[in-house]
PDB file of N, CA and C in Angstrom:
ATOM      1  N   ARG A   1     116.131 123.863 214.254  1.00  0.00           N
ATOM      2  CA  ARG A   1     117.259 123.849 215.178  1.00  0.00           C
ATOM      3  C   ARG A   1     118.542 124.319 214.494  1.00  0.00           C
ATOM      4  N   LYS A   2     118.700 123.924 213.234  1.00  0.00           N
ATOM      5  CA  LYS A   2     119.924 124.291 212.517  1.00  0.00           C
ATOM      6  C   LYS A   2     120.007 125.788 212.284  1.00  0.00           C
ATOM      7  N   ASN A   3     118.873 126.419 212.012  1.00  0.00           N
ATOM      8  CA  ASN A   3     118.893 127.874 211.823  1.00  0.00           C
ATOM      9  C   ASN A   3     119.274 128.574 213.113  1.00  0.00           C
ATOM     10  N   ALA A   4     118.806 128.061 214.237  1.00  0.00           N
ATOM     11  CA  ALA A   4     119.161 128.656 215.524  1.00  0.00           C
ATOM     12  C   ALA A   4     120.665 128.547 215.766  1.00  0.00           C
ATOM     13  N   GLN A   5     121.231 127.402 215.439  1.00  0.00           N
ATOM     14  CA  GLN A   5     122.673 127.226 215.607  1.00  0.00           C
ATOM     15  C   GLN A   5     123.438 128.143 214.662  1.00  0.00           C
ATOM     16  N   LEU A   6     122.933 128.291 213.447  1.00  0.00           N
ATOM     17  CA  LEU A   6     123.571 129.189 212.485  1.00  0.00           C
ATOM     18  C   LEU A   6     123.509 130.631 212.981  1.00  0.00           C
ATOM     19  N   LEU A   7     122.381 131.028 213.549  1.00  0.00           N
ATOM     20  CA  LEU A   7     122.245 132.369 214.131  1.00  0.00           C
ATOM     21  C   LEU A   7     123.321 132.602 215.189  1.00  0.00           C
ATOM     22  N   VAL A   8     123.457 131.667 216.079  1.00  0.00           N
ATOM     23  CA  VAL A   8     124.449 131.778 217.158  1.00  0.00           C
ATOM     24  C   VAL A   8     125.866 131.780 216.583  1.00  0.00           C
ATOM     25  N   ASP A   9     126.125 130.908 215.623  1.00  0.00           N
ATOM     26  CA  ASP A   9     127.465 130.836 215.030  1.00  0.00           C
ATOM     27  C   ASP A   9     127.836 132.129 214.299  1.00  0.00           C
ATOM     28  N   LEU A  10     126.886 132.671 213.536  1.00  0.00           N
ATOM     29  CA  LEU A  10     127.166 133.880 212.762  1.00  0.00           C
ATOM     30  C   LEU A  10     127.330 135.118 213.637  1.00  0.00           C
ATOM     31  N   LEU A  11     126.574 135.170 214.737  1.00  0.00           N
ATOM     32  CA  LEU A  11     126.497 136.408 215.521  1.00  0.00           C
ATOM     33  C   LEU A  11     126.959 136.252 216.967  1.00  0.00           C
ATOM     34  N   SER A  12     127.719 135.229 217.251  1.00  0.00           N
ATOM     35  CA  SER A  12     128.103 134.956 218.639  1.00  0.00           C
ATOM     36  C   SER A  12     128.882 136.087 219.305  1.00  0.00           C
ATOM     37  N   ASP A  13     129.535 136.928 218.515  1.00  0.00           N
ATOM     38  CA  ASP A  13     130.263 138.061 219.099  1.00  0.00           C
ATOM     39  C   ASP A  13     129.341 139.219 219.466  1.00  0.00           C
ATOM     40  N   PHE A  14     128.092 139.168 218.987  1.00  0.00           N
ATOM     41  CA  PHE A  14     127.183 140.307 219.148  1.00  0.00           C
ATOM     42  C   PHE A  14     125.903 140.006 219.904  1.00  0.00           C
ATOM     43  N   ILE A  15     125.606 138.720 220.133  1.00  0.00           N
ATOM     44  CA  ILE A  15     124.359 138.379 220.829  1.00  0.00           C
ATOM     45  C   ILE A  15     124.633 137.418 221.980  1.00  0.00           C
ATOM     46  N   ARG A  16     123.860 137.589 223.026  1.00  0.00           N
ATOM     47  CA  ARG A  16     123.884 136.697 224.189  1.00  0.00           C
ATOM     48  C   ARG A  16     122.461 136.621 224.727  1.00  0.00           C
ATOM     49  N   TYR A  17     122.115 135.491 225.316  1.00  0.00           N
ATOM     50  CA  TYR A  17     120.823 135.396 225.985  1.00  0.00           C
ATOM     51  C   TYR A  17     121.071 135.319 227.477  1.00  0.00           C
ATOM     52  N   ASP A  18     120.497 136.237 228.215  1.00  0.00           N
ATOM     53  CA  ASP A  18     120.620 136.285 229.675  1.00  0.00           C
ATOM     54  C   ASP A  18     119.482 135.452 230.264  1.00  0.00           C
ATOM     55  N   VAL A  19     119.809 134.250 230.738  1.00  0.00           N
ATOM     56  CA  VAL A  19     118.776 133.347 231.248  1.00  0.00           C
ATOM     57  C   VAL A  19     118.173 133.838 232.562  1.00  0.00           C
ATOM     58  N   VAL A  20     118.917 134.601 233.308  1.00  0.00           N
ATOM     59  CA  VAL A  20     118.402 135.130 234.579  1.00  0.00           C
ATOM     60  C   VAL A  20     117.314 136.172 234.318  1.00  0.00           C
ATOM     61  N   ARG A  21     117.608 137.110 233.447  1.00  0.00           N
ATOM     62  CA  ARG A  21     116.638 138.173 233.138  1.00  0.00           C
ATOM     63  C   ARG A  21     115.687 137.800 231.994  1.00  0.00           C
ATOM     64  N   GLU A  22     115.991 136.665 231.342  1.00  0.00           N
ATOM     65  CA  GLU A  22     115.194 136.182 230.205  1.00  0.00           C
ATOM     66  C   GLU A  22     115.062 137.250 229.122  1.00  0.00           C
ATOM     67  N   VAL A  23     116.234 137.754 228.702  1.00  0.00           N
ATOM     68  CA  VAL A  23     116.264 138.807 227.695  1.00  0.00           C
ATOM     69  C   VAL A  23     117.515 138.634 226.831  1.00  0.00           C
ATOM     70  N   TRP A  24     117.359 138.962 225.548  1.00  0.00           N
ATOM     71  CA  TRP A  24     118.516 138.978 224.664  1.00  0.00           C
ATOM     72  C   TRP A  24     119.344 140.219 224.935  1.00  0.00           C
ATOM     73  N   LEU A  25     120.650 140.060 224.853  1.00  0.00           N
ATOM     74  CA  LEU A  25     121.585 141.172 224.976  1.00  0.00           C
ATOM     75  C   LEU A  25     122.290 141.324 223.640  1.00  0.00           C
ATOM     76  N   ILE A  26     122.340 142.547 223.158  1.00  0.00           N
ATOM     77  CA  ILE A  26     122.968 142.850 221.878  1.00  0.00           C
ATOM     78  C   ILE A  26     124.142 143.789 222.144  1.00  0.00           C
ATOM     79  N   PHE A  27     125.315 143.423 221.641  1.00  0.00           N
ATOM     80  CA  PHE A  27     126.487 144.274 221.814  1.00  0.00           C
ATOM     81  C   PHE A  27     126.437 145.405 220.795  1.00  0.00           C
ATOM     82  N   ASN A  28     126.460 146.635 221.270  1.00  0.00           N
ATOM     83  CA  ASN A  28     126.332 147.791 220.372  1.00  0.00           C
ATOM     84  C   ASN A  28     127.684 148.419 220.007  1.00  0.00           C
ATOM     85  N   GLY A  29     128.751 147.723 220.331  1.00  0.00           N
ATOM     86  CA  GLY A  29     130.090 148.232 220.040  1.00  0.00           C
ATOM     87  C   GLY A  29     130.803 148.752 221.274  1.00  0.00           C
ATOM     88  N   LYS A  30     130.016 149.087 222.302  1.00  0.00           N
ATOM     89  CA  LYS A  30     130.596 149.586 223.554  1.00  0.00           C
ATOM     90  C   LYS A  30     130.135 148.787 224.763  1.00  0.00           C
ATOM     91  N   PHE A  31     128.863 148.376 224.770  1.00  0.00           N
ATOM     92  CA  PHE A  31     128.330 147.615 225.894  1.00  0.00           C
ATOM     93  C   PHE A  31     127.183 146.729 225.436  1.00  0.00           C
ATOM     94  N   TRP A  32     126.803 145.801 226.325  1.00  0.00           N
ATOM     95  CA  TRP A  32     125.689 144.894 226.052  1.00  0.00           C
ATOM     96  C   TRP A  32     124.386 145.594 226.417  1.00  0.00           C
ATOM     97  N   GLN A  33     123.485 145.645 225.459  1.00  0.00           N
ATOM     98  CA  GLN A  33     122.222 146.343 225.637  1.00  0.00           C
ATOM     99  C   GLN A  33     121.076 145.331 225.591  1.00  0.00           C
ATOM    100  N   ALA A  34     120.169 145.413 226.566  1.00  0.00           N
ATOM    101  CA  ALA A  34     119.017 144.513 226.614  1.00  0.00           C
ATOM    102  C   ALA A  34     118.064 144.797 225.457  1.00  0.00           C
ATOM    103  N   ASP A  35     117.462 143.744 224.968  1.00  0.00           N
ATOM    104  CA  ASP A  35     116.479 143.828 223.882  1.00  0.00           C
ATOM    105  C   ASP A  35     115.171 143.200 224.375  1.00  0.00           C
ATOM    106  N   PRO A  36     114.463 143.889 225.275  1.00  0.00           N
ATOM    107  CA  PRO A  36     113.314 143.289 225.954  1.00  0.00           C
ATOM    108  C   PRO A  36     112.153 142.907 225.039  1.00  0.00           C
ATOM    109  N   LYS A  37     112.013 143.563 223.901  1.00  0.00           N
ATOM    110  CA  LYS A  37     110.911 143.229 222.991  1.00  0.00           C
ATOM    111  C   LYS A  37     111.374 142.387 221.804  1.00  0.00           C
ATOM    112  N   ASP A  38     112.628 141.964 221.825  1.00  0.00           N
ATOM    113  CA  ASP A  38     113.220 141.132 220.763  1.00  0.00           C
ATOM    114  C   ASP A  38     113.241 141.798 219.390  1.00  0.00           C
ATOM    115  N   ASN A  39     113.138 143.100 219.332  1.00  0.00           N
ATOM    116  CA  ASN A  39     113.151 143.787 218.036  1.00  0.00           C
ATOM    117  C   ASN A  39     114.498 143.648 217.329  1.00  0.00           C
ATOM    118  N   LYS A  40     115.568 143.845 218.066  1.00  0.00           N
ATOM    119  CA  LYS A  40     116.901 143.802 217.455  1.00  0.00           C
ATOM    120  C   LYS A  40     117.306 142.380 217.089  1.00  0.00           C
ATOM    121  N   ILE A  41     116.982 141.419 217.960  1.00  0.00           N
ATOM    122  CA  ILE A  41     117.353 140.031 217.662  1.00  0.00           C
ATOM    123  C   ILE A  41     116.564 139.523 216.457  1.00  0.00           C
ATOM    124  N   ARG A  42     115.320 139.961 216.301  1.00  0.00           N
ATOM    125  CA  ARG A  42     114.544 139.572 215.113  1.00  0.00           C
ATOM    126  C   ARG A  42     115.197 140.131 213.851  1.00  0.00           C
ATOM    127  N   HIS A  43     115.615 141.377 213.937  1.00  0.00           N
ATOM    128  CA  HIS A  43     116.298 141.993 212.794  1.00  0.00           C
ATOM    129  C   HIS A  43     117.581 141.226 212.467  1.00  0.00           C
ATOM    130  N   LEU A  44     118.348 140.899 213.479  1.00  0.00           N
ATOM    131  CA  LEU A  44     119.591 140.161 213.259  1.00  0.00           C
ATOM    132  C   LEU A  44     119.337 138.751 212.744  1.00  0.00           C
ATOM    133  N   ALA A  45     118.254 138.127 213.181  1.00  0.00           N
ATOM    134  CA  ALA A  45     117.933 136.764 212.747  1.00  0.00           C
ATOM    135  C   ALA A  45     117.666 136.710 211.246  1.00  0.00           C
ATOM    136  N   ARG A  46     117.220 137.797 210.689  1.00  0.00           N
ATOM    137  CA  ARG A  46     117.003 137.840 209.239  1.00  0.00           C
ATOM    138  C   ARG A  46     118.323 137.665 208.487  1.00  0.00           C
ATOM    139  N   ASN A  47     119.436 137.933 209.147  1.00  0.00           N
ATOM    140  CA  ASN A  47     120.743 137.727 208.523  1.00  0.00           C
ATOM    141  C   ASN A  47     120.986 136.266 208.172  1.00  0.00           C
ATOM    142  N   VAL A  48     120.366 135.366 208.897  1.00  0.00           N
ATOM    143  CA  VAL A  48     120.519 133.943 208.587  1.00  0.00           C
ATOM    144  C   VAL A  48     119.982 133.662 207.191  1.00  0.00           C
ATOM    145  N   SER A  49     118.814 134.176 206.899  1.00  0.00           N
ATOM    146  CA  SER A  49     118.233 134.007 205.572  1.00  0.00           C
ATOM    147  C   SER A  49     119.120 134.644 204.499  1.00  0.00           C
ATOM    148  N   ASP A  50     119.640 135.831 204.790  1.00  0.00           N
ATOM    149  CA  ASP A  50     120.543 136.504 203.843  1.00  0.00           C
ATOM    150  C   ASP A  50     121.787 135.653 203.581  1.00  0.00           C
ATOM    151  N   PHE A  51     122.322 135.066 204.649  1.00  0.00           N
ATOM    152  CA  PHE A  51     123.495 134.210 204.522  1.00  0.00           C
ATOM    153  C   PHE A  51     123.178 132.992 203.655  1.00  0.00           C
ATOM    154  N   LEU A  52     122.024 132.366 203.906  1.00  0.00           N
ATOM    155  CA  LEU A  52     121.641 131.193 203.126  1.00  0.00           C
ATOM    156  C   LEU A  52     121.443 131.543 201.647  1.00  0.00           C
ATOM    157  N   MET A  53     120.872 132.712 201.391  1.00  0.00           N
ATOM    158  CA  MET A  53     120.668 133.144 200.009  1.00  0.00           C
ATOM    159  C   MET A  53     122.019 133.407 199.326  1.00  0.00           C
ATOM    160  N   ALA A  54     122.947 134.020 200.036  1.00  0.00           N
ATOM    161  CA  ALA A  54     124.283 134.257 199.483  1.00  0.00           C
ATOM    162  C   ALA A  54     124.989 132.927 199.201  1.00  0.00           C
ATOM    163  N   TYR A  55     124.809 131.967 200.104  1.00  0.00           N
ATOM    164  CA  TYR A  55     125.421 130.650 199.913  1.00  0.00           C
ATOM    165  C   TYR A  55     124.831 129.965 198.685  1.00  0.00           C
ATOM    166  N   SER A  56     123.523 130.128 198.485  1.00  0.00           N
ATOM    167  CA  SER A  56     122.889 129.519 197.310  1.00  0.00           C
ATOM    168  C   SER A  56     123.461 130.120 196.024  1.00  0.00           C
ATOM    169  N   SER A  57     123.761 131.415 196.047  1.00  0.00           N
ATOM    170  CA  SER A  57     124.373 132.053 194.870  1.00  0.00           C
ATOM    171  C   SER A  57     125.757 131.476 194.597  1.00  0.00           C
ATOM    172  N   TYR A  58     126.499 131.236 195.656  1.00  0.00           N
ATOM    173  CA  TYR A  58     127.827 130.630 195.523  1.00  0.00           C
ATOM    174  C   TYR A  58     127.722 129.243 194.888  1.00  0.00           C
ATOM    175  N   LEU A  59     126.699 128.491 195.279  1.00  0.00           N
ATOM    176  CA  LEU A  59     126.537 127.121 194.790  1.00  0.00           C
ATOM    177  C   LEU A  59     125.975 127.035 193.375  1.00  0.00           C
ATOM    178  N   GLU A  60     125.486 128.122 192.857  1.00  0.00           N
ATOM    179  CA  GLU A  60     124.763 128.106 191.582  1.00  0.00           C
ATOM    180  C   GLU A  60     125.538 127.431 190.452  1.00  0.00           C
ATOM    181  N   GLU A  61     126.787 127.749 190.299  1.00  0.00           N
ATOM    182  CA  GLU A  61     127.581 127.150 189.223  1.00  0.00           C
ATOM    183  C   GLU A  61     128.100 125.763 189.594  1.00  0.00           C
ATOM    184  N   ILE A  62     128.274 125.511 190.868  1.00  0.00           N
ATOM    185  CA  ILE A  62     128.815 124.235 191.325  1.00  0.00           C
ATOM    186  C   ILE A  62     127.745 123.142 191.305  1.00  0.00           C
ATOM    187  N   ASP A  63     126.584 123.472 191.893  1.00  0.00           N
ATOM    188  CA  ASP A  63     125.501 122.487 192.002  1.00  0.00           C
ATOM    189  C   ASP A  63     124.156 123.226 191.956  1.00  0.00           C
ATOM    190  N   PRO A  64     123.619 123.437 190.758  1.00  0.00           N
ATOM    191  CA  PRO A  64     122.377 124.210 190.615  1.00  0.00           C
ATOM    192  C   PRO A  64     121.198 123.651 191.405  1.00  0.00           C
ATOM    193  N   LYS A  65     121.123 122.348 191.502  1.00  0.00           N
ATOM    194  CA  LYS A  65     120.017 121.729 192.245  1.00  0.00           C
ATOM    195  C   LYS A  65     120.112 122.073 193.735  1.00  0.00           C
ATOM    196  N   LEU A  66     121.299 121.957 194.278  1.00  0.00           N
ATOM    197  CA  LEU A  66     121.504 122.301 195.688  1.00  0.00           C
ATOM    198  C   LEU A  66     121.304 123.796 195.911  1.00  0.00           C
ATOM    199  N   SER A  67     121.738 124.599 194.967  1.00  0.00           N
ATOM    200  CA  SER A  67     121.542 126.040 195.042  1.00  0.00           C
ATOM    201  C   SER A  67     120.057 126.375 195.129  1.00  0.00           C
ATOM    202  N   LYS A  68     119.258 125.742 194.296  1.00  0.00           N
ATOM    203  CA  LYS A  68     117.812 125.982 194.310  1.00  0.00           C
ATOM    204  C   LYS A  68     117.220 125.574 195.658  1.00  0.00           C
ATOM    205  N   TRP A  69     117.695 124.447 196.210  1.00  0.00           N
ATOM    206  CA  TRP A  69     117.207 124.001 197.515  1.00  0.00           C
ATOM    207  C   TRP A  69     117.494 125.068 198.579  1.00  0.00           C
ATOM    208  N   TYR A  70     118.709 125.613 198.577  1.00  0.00           N
ATOM    209  CA  TYR A  70     119.070 126.648 199.554  1.00  0.00           C
ATOM    210  C   TYR A  70     118.253 127.921 199.365  1.00  0.00           C
ATOM    211  N   GLN A  71     117.945 128.269 198.117  1.00  0.00           N
ATOM    212  CA  GLN A  71     117.098 129.438 197.871  1.00  0.00           C
ATOM    213  C   GLN A  71     115.720 129.249 198.497  1.00  0.00           C
ATOM    214  N   THR A  72     115.144 128.077 198.285  1.00  0.00           N
ATOM    215  CA  THR A  72     113.829 127.767 198.857  1.00  0.00           C
ATOM    216  C   THR A  72     113.895 127.780 200.382  1.00  0.00           C
ATOM    217  N   TYR A  73     114.943 127.179 200.920  1.00  0.00           N
ATOM    218  CA  TYR A  73     115.120 127.118 202.369  1.00  0.00           C
ATOM    219  C   TYR A  73     115.295 128.529 202.956  1.00  0.00           C
ATOM    220  N   ALA A  74     116.050 129.361 202.250  1.00  0.00           N
ATOM    221  CA  ALA A  74     116.283 130.740 202.712  1.00  0.00           C
ATOM    222  C   ALA A  74     114.973 131.520 202.747  1.00  0.00           C
ATOM    223  N   ARG A  75     114.147 131.343 201.745  1.00  0.00           N
ATOM    224  CA  ARG A  75     112.850 132.049 201.718  1.00  0.00           C
ATOM    225  C   ARG A  75     111.962 131.615 202.875  1.00  0.00           C
ATOM    226  N   LYS A  76     111.973 130.329 203.182  1.00  0.00           N
ATOM    227  CA  LYS A  76     111.187 129.821 204.316  1.00  0.00           C
ATOM    228  C   LYS A  76     111.732 130.362 205.638  1.00  0.00           C
ATOM    229  N   ALA A  77     113.046 130.507 205.710  1.00  0.00           N
ATOM    230  CA  ALA A  77     113.686 131.002 206.938  1.00  0.00           C
ATOM    231  C   ALA A  77     113.343 132.461 207.203  1.00  0.00           C
ATOM    232  N   GLU A  78     112.856 133.174 206.193  1.00  0.00           N
ATOM    233  CA  GLU A  78     112.499 134.590 206.338  1.00  0.00           C
ATOM    234  C   GLU A  78     111.134 134.795 207.004  1.00  0.00           C
ATOM    235  N   SER A  79     110.335 133.760 207.062  1.00  0.00           N
ATOM    236  CA  SER A  79     108.974 133.921 207.579  1.00  0.00           C
ATOM    237  C   SER A  79     108.984 134.287 209.061  1.00  0.00           C
ATOM    238  N   PHE A  80     107.931 134.960 209.466  1.00  0.00           N
ATOM    239  CA  PHE A  80     107.805 135.382 210.870  1.00  0.00           C
ATOM    240  C   PHE A  80     107.910 134.187 211.806  1.00  0.00           C
ATOM    241  N   ASN A  81     107.202 133.103 211.483  1.00  0.00           N
ATOM    242  CA  ASN A  81     107.215 131.928 212.356  1.00  0.00           C
ATOM    243  C   ASN A  81     108.581 131.257 212.413  1.00  0.00           C
ATOM    244  N   SER A  82     109.278 131.236 211.281  1.00  0.00           N
ATOM    245  CA  SER A  82     110.622 130.649 211.270  1.00  0.00           C
ATOM    246  C   SER A  82     111.589 131.466 212.116  1.00  0.00           C
ATOM    247  N   ILE A  83     111.495 132.766 211.995  1.00  0.00           N
ATOM    248  CA  ILE A  83     112.369 133.636 212.780  1.00  0.00           C
ATOM    249  C   ILE A  83     112.045 133.520 214.265  1.00  0.00           C
ATOM    250  N   LYS A  84     110.768 133.475 214.584  1.00  0.00           N
ATOM    251  CA  LYS A  84     110.350 133.321 215.982  1.00  0.00           C
ATOM    252  C   LYS A  84     110.877 132.007 216.562  1.00  0.00           C
ATOM    253  N   ALA A  85     110.758 130.922 215.807  1.00  0.00           N
ATOM    254  CA  ALA A  85     111.245 129.626 216.261  1.00  0.00           C
ATOM    255  C   ALA A  85     112.766 129.622 216.393  1.00  0.00           C
ATOM    256  N   MET A  86     113.437 130.240 215.425  1.00  0.00           N
ATOM    257  CA  MET A  86     114.898 130.324 215.449  1.00  0.00           C
ATOM    258  C   MET A  86     115.379 131.015 216.731  1.00  0.00           C
ATOM    259  N   ILE A  87     114.751 132.129 217.066  1.00  0.00           N
ATOM    260  CA  ILE A  87     115.128 132.890 218.252  1.00  0.00           C
ATOM    261  C   ILE A  87     114.867 132.090 219.518  1.00  0.00           C
ATOM    262  N   ALA A  88     113.714 131.434 219.570  1.00  0.00           N
ATOM    263  CA  ALA A  88     113.370 130.636 220.749  1.00  0.00           C
ATOM    264  C   ALA A  88     114.360 129.499 220.948  1.00  0.00           C
ATOM    265  N   LEU A  89     114.711 128.803 219.872  1.00  0.00           N
ATOM    266  CA  LEU A  89     115.662 127.695 219.977  1.00  0.00           C
ATOM    267  C   LEU A  89     117.075 128.160 220.291  1.00  0.00           C
ATOM    268  N   ALA A  90     117.433 129.347 219.843  1.00  0.00           N
ATOM    269  CA  ALA A  90     118.780 129.870 220.102  1.00  0.00           C
ATOM    270  C   ALA A  90     118.984 130.213 221.571  1.00  0.00           C
ATOM    271  N   LYS A  91     117.910 130.359 222.315  1.00  0.00           N
ATOM    272  CA  LYS A  91     118.023 130.670 223.751  1.00  0.00           C
ATOM    273  C   LYS A  91     118.670 129.523 224.515  1.00  0.00           C
ATOM    274  N   SER A  92     118.512 128.308 224.021  1.00  0.00           N
ATOM    275  CA  SER A  92     119.016 127.142 224.771  1.00  0.00           C
ATOM    276  C   SER A  92     120.459 126.825 224.451  1.00  0.00           C
TER     277      SER A  92
END
């Protein structure tokens, strides 16, 4: 659930879920474009893992143990099933 919230928080200016059409909308800089096969939202969801990995690097000197935890968590967040779950939970 937390990854889904992080996805929405990080990308709220660029993603929307249309509950009527049951499709993700991605802002391409000019208009909202439907993503019927979830290809673009899956690509964007990988940014959550990238963000977590960057955060772990920031924590490395401050708290190495916590940094290692975030690295492990980021790797798990990259999995197909984690991304699929993240996207599904972000719809709500």
